[in-house]
Amino acid sequence: MTFTAHIAAGIILVKYLELKGLLNPSLEHQYLLVASIASTLPDLDGLIFHKIYDHRTNSPFHIPATWWILCLTAVVVAVAQRQRIYLSFIYVSFLSIYLHLFLDTFGVNAGICWLKPFTRKEYSFLPIHHGKPTNIREWILNYWKSPLIVPEVVITLSGLILLIKSF
């Protein structure tokens, strides 16, 4: 998935959690901001390492265990500091990050190493194999030719519509 689809998925997640009564509606805009940021955090590796092909398997940002440790640490700190208000934001962050990883399990070149550090096996439900792209333009062209472009557009437009309705 692309950066915009991950943000849109975070927005959809917040709206779903609100609909189910799991979030405080008076904090909706803050949750939307947190989800929008958190849903893109795993892609920091692409920015930091300047890779578009294998950044999902060769950095800590696309390893689920990294985010378990960080979120668990945040929960412990929030509880120890008696700042329980932050727990709902940690919850939204955690779910947004894992939604990102789940979506990346569809259509990334090789997949996500869900069980790393125990194994380097990559899991992908619908891998896209067009060879290793040499630049971002080539990656985009390959992606537009894939069957994932339809859910990508649906997620992005749905998130945009929900965001507009929130204001």
Foldseek 3Di string as FASTA:
>chain_A
DDLLLLLLVLLVVLVVCVVVVNDDPVCSVVSSVLLSVLLCQLVVQCVVVVFDACSQQPDPSNELVSLVVVLVVVVVVCVVVVNCVCNVSSVSSNVSSVVSLVVQLEAHQQAHCHPPPVDSHHHHPHYQDPDGDPDPVSVVVSVVPDPCVVVSVVSSVNSVVSVVVSD
